Protein backbone atom coordinates (compact mmCIF):
# COMPACT_ATOMS: atom_id res chain seq x y z
CA VAL A 1 -0.60 5.16 -157.79
CA GLY A 2 0.62 7.48 -155.05
CA SER A 3 4.08 7.67 -153.60
CA SER A 4 4.98 7.51 -149.98
CA PRO A 5 7.43 9.95 -148.31
CA GLU A 6 9.92 7.08 -148.15
CA ASP A 7 9.79 6.64 -151.96
CA THR A 8 10.37 10.34 -152.48
CA ALA A 9 13.35 10.37 -150.12
CA LEU A 10 15.07 7.59 -152.10
CA ARG A 11 14.83 9.36 -155.44
CA PRO A 12 17.55 11.83 -156.43
CA PRO A 13 16.31 15.38 -157.01
CA GLN A 14 15.75 16.28 -160.66
CA GLU A 15 18.13 18.97 -161.92
CA GLN A 16 16.62 21.78 -163.92
CA PRO A 17 18.77 22.87 -166.89
CA ALA A 18 20.25 26.33 -166.65
CA ALA A 19 19.08 28.81 -169.30
CA GLU A 20 22.33 28.49 -171.28
CA ASP A 21 22.08 24.66 -171.19
CA ALA A 22 18.46 24.57 -172.38
CA ALA A 23 19.40 23.24 -175.85
CA PHE A 24 19.62 19.45 -175.88
CA ILE A 25 23.05 18.13 -176.76
CA SER A 26 23.35 14.43 -177.37
CA ILE A 27 26.26 12.90 -175.48
CA GLN A 28 26.81 9.35 -176.60
CA ALA A 29 29.14 6.78 -175.08
CA PHE A 30 29.53 4.97 -178.40
CA PRO A 31 30.69 5.90 -181.92
CA ALA A 32 28.13 7.55 -184.18
CA LEU A 33 28.13 8.37 -187.88
CA LEU A 34 28.70 12.01 -188.64
CA ASP A 35 27.80 14.04 -191.71
CA LEU A 36 30.54 16.34 -192.96
CA PRO A 37 30.55 17.88 -196.43
CA GLN A 38 31.55 15.16 -198.89
CA GLU A 39 34.61 17.00 -200.23
CA LEU A 40 36.26 17.20 -196.78
CA GLU A 41 38.92 14.68 -195.85
CA VAL A 42 39.58 14.45 -192.12
CA SER A 43 43.25 14.17 -191.19
CA GLN A 44 42.99 14.31 -187.39
CA VAL A 45 40.38 13.89 -184.65
CA SER A 46 40.52 14.74 -180.95
CA CYS A 47 37.90 14.33 -178.24
CA GLY A 48 37.43 16.26 -175.01
CA SER A 49 35.15 15.17 -172.22
CA ARG A 50 32.06 16.45 -174.05
CA HIS A 51 33.28 17.91 -177.34
CA THR A 52 35.07 16.81 -180.49
CA ALA A 53 37.30 18.56 -183.03
CA VAL A 54 38.59 17.53 -186.44
CA VAL A 55 41.22 18.98 -188.75
CA THR A 56 40.74 18.48 -192.47
CA ARG A 57 43.49 17.93 -195.05
CA GLY A 58 42.68 21.45 -196.26
CA GLY A 59 43.55 22.94 -192.85
CA GLU A 60 40.02 23.65 -191.66
CA LEU A 61 38.94 23.07 -188.06
CA TYR A 62 35.45 21.78 -187.25
CA THR A 63 34.13 21.42 -183.69
CA TRP A 64 30.92 20.25 -182.02
CA GLY A 65 29.55 19.13 -178.67
CA TRP A 66 29.26 20.96 -175.37
CA GLY A 67 30.52 24.54 -175.58
CA LYS A 68 29.81 26.01 -172.13
CA TYR A 69 33.42 27.21 -171.66
CA GLY A 70 33.99 28.43 -175.23
CA GLN A 71 36.01 25.32 -176.07
CA LEU A 72 34.41 25.02 -179.52
CA GLY A 73 36.15 28.19 -180.69
CA HIS A 74 33.09 29.94 -182.13
CA ARG A 75 33.40 33.06 -179.95
CA ASP A 76 30.37 32.04 -177.93
CA LYS A 77 29.39 29.42 -175.39
CA ALA A 78 26.79 27.68 -177.53
CA SER A 79 26.68 23.90 -177.82
CA SER A 80 26.05 22.11 -181.09
CA ASP A 81 25.32 18.54 -182.20
CA GLN A 82 26.43 19.46 -185.73
CA PRO A 83 30.04 20.14 -186.77
CA ARG A 84 30.72 23.83 -187.39
CA ARG A 85 33.81 25.26 -189.07
CA VAL A 86 35.81 27.57 -186.79
CA GLN A 87 35.53 30.85 -188.72
CA LEU A 88 38.20 32.68 -186.70
CA LEU A 89 40.93 30.64 -188.42
CA VAL A 90 39.48 31.46 -191.83
CA ALA A 91 39.20 35.18 -190.99
CA GLU A 92 42.82 35.29 -189.78
CA GLY A 93 44.15 33.34 -192.79
CA LEU A 94 45.35 30.48 -190.57
CA ARG A 95 45.59 26.80 -191.47
CA ALA A 96 44.96 24.22 -188.73
CA GLU A 97 47.66 21.56 -188.56
CA GLU A 98 46.92 19.73 -185.31
CA VAL A 99 44.23 19.74 -182.63
CA VAL A 100 44.22 18.39 -179.08
CA CYS A 101 41.12 18.56 -176.90
CA GLY A 102 41.33 18.66 -173.12
CA PRO A 103 38.42 18.21 -170.72
CA TRP A 104 37.09 21.78 -171.33
CA THR A 105 39.68 23.15 -173.75
CA THR A 106 40.81 22.86 -177.36
CA TYR A 107 44.40 23.52 -178.47
CA VAL A 108 45.14 24.12 -182.14
CA SER A 109 48.49 24.31 -183.89
CA VAL A 110 48.21 26.58 -186.94
CA LEU A 111 50.29 27.85 -189.88
CA GLU A 112 49.97 31.30 -191.42
């Protein structure tokens, strides 16, 4: 089946992913089960436009989702479907108390 020029004109152009966006990140508009290590107890959750962060009762911060602007806190701009602990807090001896995600940002209140 061929397509006419009129059909082509009605279709939106297909965007090609940029090199840094080549990894597929699932963005779901509904709740999904998440696997965290069994011993972790989540005390707080916050969601940005395309990323999520949780604070555990032990003061650890885990983030995942779209990381193009460094909002996951892993010192890179990588995206991840799996929760990753923010190692900077561990390295600095800081304990996460609260987290608030903005559209492309993550704010964390910490204790030394």
